Each structure stands twice: as structure tokens, then as C-alpha cells.
């Protein structure tokens, strides 16, 4: 006699879960449209024209996989993929506890690679820690020197913190490597600060705010859009009609050809 009651509880639980998922999805859509409406005027305020298209279509994601590991942002990842012919490198930037800029995807992963408990490192701790796989973790100063030695290479920036703070740092410290930067922005309100750097290009990535397709179709002030692979169907018609250049992140190296074939209209890929 208890079985129907148990089934009723299971059904009620399923309804609650589905309702919560629907509400979350609705919230994301509403937030994305609100952000797009708020930021739309920034595109019209820009007087500078977009740059010429970036020719390379493959971007080594977090420097590219090295020794079977992804997200290392290491010197070895840069060197290996440069030798393989890559010229675009997406790299992740984070602040140390004492406000120095280093190349880190997230402090949890970096702590693991360096054999430490998860925490935000100080600058001195970061540069003195030994990677257990003998990979060399990079500071911003290290990257600046690497780019000076590889003038045909370009870095696509990504930061999980305040992008405006990051752009101000690049303005003050980027010096002669700023033309080798492809600056990712997350909202159109960041466009002017990005253009002031004089970078090779400015790309709008949508993974944080999920700009709707109608908004991207009206934006003309950036050089390319970057979307998650899972969001391809949402923007497909814009790519097929070739209204803009789209990069998709991220795919394994062995899936590059198949992804280009499957995702019609995609201009470039971030490759693990």
C-alpha cells in the first residue's frame, strides 16, 4: 500500500526539479536580454572601426594541452604549440593575494599543480613554488618577455576578475606588447577601455553574460564573437549568413576537422 505514496513523492520531486530548472533558464534569458539592452548604446558610441580579421583560425586554449594536461598556461605549452604552428594563444590571468598579475586559470587547479592546498598565492610564493610536472608557471613579466621574443604571436586575454581593472593594468604595463594582444571583453561597456589599449583586436565573449543572438546581430564595434560550443545552435544563423566572425571554445585537438564540418559558419576554434 505504500508504493503509490512513494511514487507520488518521486513525481512531486521531479516536478520541483523541472520547475526550478525552468525558472533558472528563464532567469538567465531575462538577465542576458537586460544586459544587452543596457550595453547596446556603447557600440554606437565608439568612433574607431573594427580591425582587419585575424587570419589564424586556431587558438591554443590556455596555451594548449601539454603532457596530457589542459589549462596549464605554462611556458612549455606556449613553446610546444608555437613550434606546431599556432600563433594565437588564449591565456588566463589572475591576481595574487598581493595584487600582482600571473597566468592562472583558477587557484584550485594551480594549487594542485604546485602540490599545495587550494588558496590564493602571494607573488613570492607563486614564483618560488615548483610545479610537480616541471612546467614553468608564468608571471605577466614572463609573458611580456616571451611575446617580445615571438613577435608573430598573439595572446587572447581571459580573466575571471574585474576586466576593467585588468585593462587598466595592461594600459600601464603592457608597453610594446599591446599590439600583440587580442582583448576579450565580457560586456560592451568595456569596449572603449579595450580599444584604448591599441590591441590587435577586441573580441566579445558571451560565456559570462550570454548575449542573445538579436543583440550580436546589431553589434558592429568588436572584431569577433566567442561562444561556447554548447551554444552554437543559438547563434548558428548569424554564422551561416556570415554576419560576423565567430570563434567557438573549446574542442580537443583531434576534433578540429570534425567540428569545422559539423558547425557550419564557424570561423575559428579554441583548441585544448
Protein backbone atom coordinates (compact mmCIF):
# COMPACT_ATOMS: atom_id res chain seq x y z
CA UNK A 1 0.00 0.00 0.00
CA UNK A 2 2.97 2.34 0.42
CA UNK A 3 4.15 2.12 -3.16
CA UNK A 4 1.73 4.71 -4.65
CA UNK A 5 2.77 7.19 -1.97
CA UNK A 6 6.44 6.68 -2.80
CA UNK A 7 5.70 7.17 -6.49
CA UNK A 8 3.74 10.32 -5.71
CA UNK A 9 6.70 11.70 -3.74
CA UNK A 10 9.07 10.88 -6.60
CA UNK A 11 6.78 12.59 -9.10
CA UNK A 12 6.49 15.66 -6.88
CA UNK A 13 10.27 15.81 -6.54
CA UNK A 14 10.65 15.60 -10.33
CA UNK A 15 8.14 18.43 -10.80
CA UNK A 16 10.04 20.60 -8.31
CA UNK A 17 13.37 19.91 -10.05
CA UNK A 18 11.94 20.64 -13.51
CA UNK A 19 10.25 23.81 -12.27
CA UNK A 20 13.50 25.01 -10.68
CA UNK A 21 15.39 24.31 -13.91
CA UNK A 22 12.79 26.21 -15.95
CA UNK A 23 12.94 29.18 -13.56
CA UNK A 24 16.74 29.24 -13.71
CA UNK A 25 16.67 29.09 -17.53
CA UNK A 26 14.12 31.92 -17.63
CA UNK A 27 16.27 33.98 -15.23
CA UNK A 28 19.34 33.52 -17.46
CA UNK A 29 17.41 34.60 -20.57
CA UNK A 30 15.93 37.67 -18.88
CA UNK A 31 19.34 38.68 -17.46
CA UNK A 32 21.03 38.27 -20.87
CA UNK A 33 18.44 40.44 -22.60
CA UNK A 34 18.64 43.10 -19.90
CA UNK A 35 22.44 43.25 -20.15
CA UNK A 36 22.21 43.51 -23.94
CA UNK A 37 19.72 46.37 -23.74
CA UNK A 38 21.81 48.23 -21.18
CA UNK A 39 25.04 47.79 -23.14
CA UNK A 40 23.73 48.40 -26.66
CA UNK A 41 24.44 52.18 -26.61
CA UNK A 42 28.17 51.54 -26.02
CA UNK A 43 28.51 50.06 -29.50
CA UNK A 44 27.12 53.24 -31.05
CA UNK A 45 29.41 55.49 -29.00
CA UNK A 46 32.60 54.05 -30.47
CA UNK A 47 34.21 56.10 -33.22
CA UNK A 48 37.03 53.66 -34.05
CA UNK A 49 36.42 50.98 -36.67
CA UNK A 50 36.97 47.26 -36.09
CA UNK A 51 40.36 45.84 -37.01
CA UNK A 52 41.01 43.65 -40.03
CA UNK A 53 40.18 39.97 -39.37
CA UNK A 54 42.74 37.91 -37.52
CA UNK A 55 44.00 35.33 -40.02
CA UNK A 56 44.82 32.32 -37.81
CA UNK A 57 41.72 30.31 -37.01
CA UNK A 58 43.03 28.03 -34.28
CA UNK A 59 43.60 29.34 -30.75
CA UNK A 60 45.63 27.30 -28.26
CA UNK A 61 43.27 27.30 -25.26
CA UNK A 62 45.12 28.13 -22.01
CA UNK A 63 48.27 27.75 -24.08
CA UNK A 64 47.14 24.33 -25.35
CA UNK A 65 47.36 20.89 -23.80
CA UNK A 66 50.86 19.82 -22.83
CA UNK A 67 51.98 16.45 -21.41
CA UNK A 68 48.33 15.40 -21.38
CA UNK A 69 47.27 18.35 -19.21
CA UNK A 70 45.00 21.24 -20.08
CA UNK A 71 44.68 24.71 -18.50
CA UNK A 72 48.37 24.95 -17.57
CA UNK A 73 49.09 28.42 -19.08
CA UNK A 74 52.72 27.35 -18.91
CA UNK A 75 55.84 28.28 -20.86
CA UNK A 76 56.07 24.70 -22.12
CA UNK A 77 52.52 24.90 -23.52
CA UNK A 78 53.39 28.12 -25.38
CA UNK A 79 56.68 26.78 -26.74
CA UNK A 80 55.26 23.44 -27.86
CA UNK A 81 52.27 24.89 -29.68
CA UNK A 82 54.31 27.69 -31.21
CA UNK A 83 56.59 25.01 -32.71
CA UNK A 84 53.46 23.24 -34.02
CA UNK A 85 52.45 26.38 -35.89
CA UNK A 86 50.00 28.06 -33.52
CA UNK A 87 50.15 31.84 -33.39
CA UNK A 88 47.09 32.58 -31.24
CA UNK A 89 47.20 31.68 -27.56
CA UNK A 90 44.30 32.18 -25.17
CA UNK A 91 45.70 32.69 -21.68
CA UNK A 92 44.13 33.15 -18.26
CA UNK A 93 45.11 35.94 -15.89
CA UNK A 94 44.57 36.16 -12.13
CA UNK A 95 45.74 38.38 -9.31
CA UNK A 96 47.93 37.14 -6.49
CA UNK A 97 46.97 37.94 -2.91
CA UNK A 98 49.32 40.95 -3.09
CA UNK A 99 47.84 42.23 -6.39
CA UNK A 100 50.43 41.02 -8.89
CA UNK A 101 49.30 39.61 -12.24
CA UNK A 102 50.12 35.99 -13.07
CA UNK A 103 48.91 33.39 -15.56
CA UNK A 104 46.46 31.15 -13.73
CA UNK A 105 43.18 29.63 -14.86
CA UNK A 106 41.99 29.22 -11.29
CA UNK A 107 43.77 28.95 -7.98
CA UNK A 108 42.35 25.49 -7.25
CA UNK A 109 43.94 23.97 -10.34
CA UNK A 110 47.19 25.87 -9.82
CA UNK A 111 47.39 24.79 -6.18
CA UNK A 112 47.02 21.17 -7.30
CA UNK A 113 49.70 21.54 -9.99
CA UNK A 114 52.04 23.05 -7.43
CA UNK A 115 51.24 20.43 -4.81
CA UNK A 116 49.62 22.84 -2.34
CA UNK A 117 46.27 23.16 -0.59
CA UNK A 118 43.82 25.34 -2.56
CA UNK A 119 44.42 29.02 -1.81
CA UNK A 120 45.32 32.31 -3.48
CA UNK A 121 49.11 32.55 -3.65
CA UNK A 122 51.21 35.59 -2.91
CA UNK A 123 53.51 36.63 -5.75
CA UNK A 124 56.65 35.36 -4.00
CA UNK A 125 55.00 32.02 -3.20
CA UNK A 126 53.86 31.66 -6.81
CA UNK A 127 57.28 32.30 -8.37
CA UNK A 128 59.12 30.15 -5.84
CA UNK A 129 56.79 27.12 -6.00
CA UNK A 130 57.91 24.14 -8.07
CA UNK A 131 55.40 22.55 -10.44
CA UNK A 132 55.45 18.82 -9.80
CA UNK A 133 55.37 18.18 -13.57
CA UNK A 134 58.31 20.56 -14.08
CA UNK A 135 56.17 23.03 -16.01
CA UNK A 136 57.09 26.69 -15.68
CA UNK A 137 54.22 28.87 -14.48
CA UNK A 138 54.30 32.38 -15.88
CA UNK A 139 54.03 35.86 -14.44
CA UNK A 140 52.88 38.76 -16.58
CA UNK A 141 56.51 39.88 -16.85
CA UNK A 142 57.50 36.41 -18.13
CA UNK A 143 54.78 36.55 -20.77
CA UNK A 144 55.86 40.02 -21.85
CA UNK A 145 59.38 38.76 -22.48
CA UNK A 146 58.07 35.69 -24.34
CA UNK A 147 55.98 37.86 -26.66
CA UNK A 148 58.95 40.14 -27.34
CA UNK A 149 60.86 37.04 -28.47
CA UNK A 150 57.91 35.85 -30.62
CA UNK A 151 56.67 38.94 -32.43
CA UNK A 152 54.34 36.98 -34.72
CA UNK A 153 52.43 35.50 -31.75
CA UNK A 154 49.24 36.96 -30.24
CA UNK A 155 47.63 36.44 -26.85
CA UNK A 156 43.87 36.33 -26.35
CA UNK A 157 43.20 37.53 -22.82
CA UNK A 158 40.81 35.99 -20.30
CA UNK A 159 40.34 36.98 -16.69
CA UNK A 160 37.84 35.81 -14.10
CA UNK A 161 38.19 39.02 -12.09
CA UNK A 162 37.34 42.61 -12.98
CA UNK A 163 38.13 43.14 -16.64
CA UNK A 164 38.32 46.92 -16.22
CA UNK A 165 40.99 46.52 -13.54
CA UNK A 166 42.83 44.13 -15.84
CA UNK A 167 42.62 46.54 -18.81
CA UNK A 168 43.97 49.38 -16.69
CA UNK A 169 46.91 47.19 -15.70
CA UNK A 170 47.61 46.40 -19.37
CA UNK A 171 47.42 50.09 -20.21
CA UNK A 172 50.06 50.87 -17.57
CA UNK A 173 52.29 47.81 -18.02
CA UNK A 174 51.69 46.34 -21.47
CA UNK A 175 54.13 48.63 -23.23
CA UNK A 176 55.26 47.39 -26.64
CA UNK A 177 53.34 44.09 -26.49
CA UNK A 178 49.89 45.71 -26.54
CA UNK A 179 49.64 45.33 -30.36
CA UNK A 180 50.14 41.59 -29.78
CA UNK A 181 47.07 41.36 -27.55
CA UNK A 182 43.60 40.29 -28.60
CA UNK A 183 41.49 41.58 -25.74
CA UNK A 184 38.39 39.67 -24.75
CA UNK A 185 35.60 41.76 -23.28
CA UNK A 186 32.55 40.40 -21.48
CA UNK A 187 30.25 43.40 -21.81
CA UNK A 188 30.07 46.14 -24.41
CA UNK A 189 30.57 48.67 -21.62
CA UNK A 190 34.24 47.51 -21.59
CA UNK A 191 34.78 48.23 -25.31
CA UNK A 192 36.18 51.76 -25.05
CA UNK A 193 38.76 50.79 -22.40
CA UNK A 194 39.82 47.84 -24.55
CA UNK A 195 40.19 49.93 -27.72
CA UNK A 196 42.31 52.50 -25.87
CA UNK A 197 45.00 49.84 -25.43
CA UNK A 198 45.60 49.71 -29.18
CA UNK A 199 45.38 45.89 -29.29
CA UNK A 200 45.42 43.72 -32.41
CA UNK A 201 41.68 43.09 -31.94
CA UNK A 202 38.81 43.13 -29.47
CA UNK A 203 36.56 40.07 -29.18
CA UNK A 204 33.30 39.83 -27.25
CA UNK A 205 32.97 36.53 -25.40
CA UNK A 206 29.47 35.55 -24.29
CA UNK A 207 30.17 32.78 -21.78
CA UNK A 208 29.62 35.13 -18.85
CA UNK A 209 26.53 37.10 -19.91
CA UNK A 210 25.05 35.01 -22.77
CA UNK A 211 24.19 37.92 -25.06
CA UNK A 212 21.18 36.89 -27.21
CA UNK A 213 21.55 36.47 -30.96
CA UNK A 214 19.47 39.57 -31.74
CA UNK A 215 22.00 41.67 -29.82
CA UNK A 216 25.05 40.21 -31.57
CA UNK A 217 23.41 40.83 -34.94
CA UNK A 218 23.34 44.56 -34.13
CA UNK A 219 26.83 44.93 -32.66
CA UNK A 220 29.45 46.28 -35.05
CA UNK A 221 32.15 47.61 -32.73
CA UNK A 222 34.01 44.36 -32.00
CA UNK A 223 36.15 42.23 -34.30
CA UNK A 224 34.75 38.78 -33.47
CA UNK A 225 32.47 36.92 -31.08
CA UNK A 226 33.46 33.97 -28.91
CA UNK A 227 30.82 31.42 -27.90
CA UNK A 228 30.77 28.10 -26.03
CA UNK A 229 30.39 25.06 -28.29
CA UNK A 230 27.16 24.17 -26.47
CA UNK A 231 25.63 27.50 -27.58
CA UNK A 232 26.28 27.01 -31.30
CA UNK A 233 22.62 26.44 -32.26
CA UNK A 234 21.61 29.74 -30.64
CA UNK A 235 23.87 31.75 -32.96
CA UNK A 236 24.01 29.45 -35.98
CA UNK A 237 22.01 31.64 -38.36
CA UNK A 238 24.40 34.56 -37.78
CA UNK A 239 27.37 32.38 -38.75
CA UNK A 240 25.71 30.79 -41.76
CA UNK A 241 24.77 34.23 -43.06
CA UNK A 242 28.39 35.32 -42.38
CA UNK A 243 27.35 38.42 -40.49
CA UNK A 244 30.41 38.21 -38.22
CA UNK A 245 33.39 36.05 -37.31
CA UNK A 246 32.70 33.54 -34.55
CA UNK A 247 35.22 31.54 -32.55
CA UNK A 248 33.99 28.51 -30.59
CA UNK A 249 35.52 27.19 -27.37
CA UNK A 250 36.80 24.67 -26.75
CA UNK A 251 37.44 21.40 -28.60
CA UNK A 252 40.06 18.65 -28.35
CA UNK A 253 42.82 18.85 -30.94
CA UNK A 254 41.70 15.59 -32.54
CA UNK A 255 38.21 17.00 -33.15
CA UNK A 256 39.15 20.16 -35.05
CA UNK A 257 38.31 18.96 -38.57
CA UNK A 258 35.10 17.28 -37.44
CA UNK A 259 33.98 20.40 -35.56
CA UNK A 260 34.54 22.69 -38.56
CA UNK A 261 32.50 20.25 -40.65
CA UNK A 262 29.69 19.96 -38.10
CA UNK A 263 29.43 23.65 -37.15
CA UNK A 264 28.71 25.48 -40.38
CA UNK A 265 29.88 29.09 -40.46
CA UNK A 266 32.35 28.88 -37.57
CA UNK A 267 35.44 30.97 -38.31
CA UNK A 268 37.80 29.66 -35.62
CA UNK A 269 38.21 27.28 -32.71
CA UNK A 270 39.80 27.34 -29.27
CA UNK A 271 41.73 24.07 -29.10
CA UNK A 272 42.67 22.17 -25.93
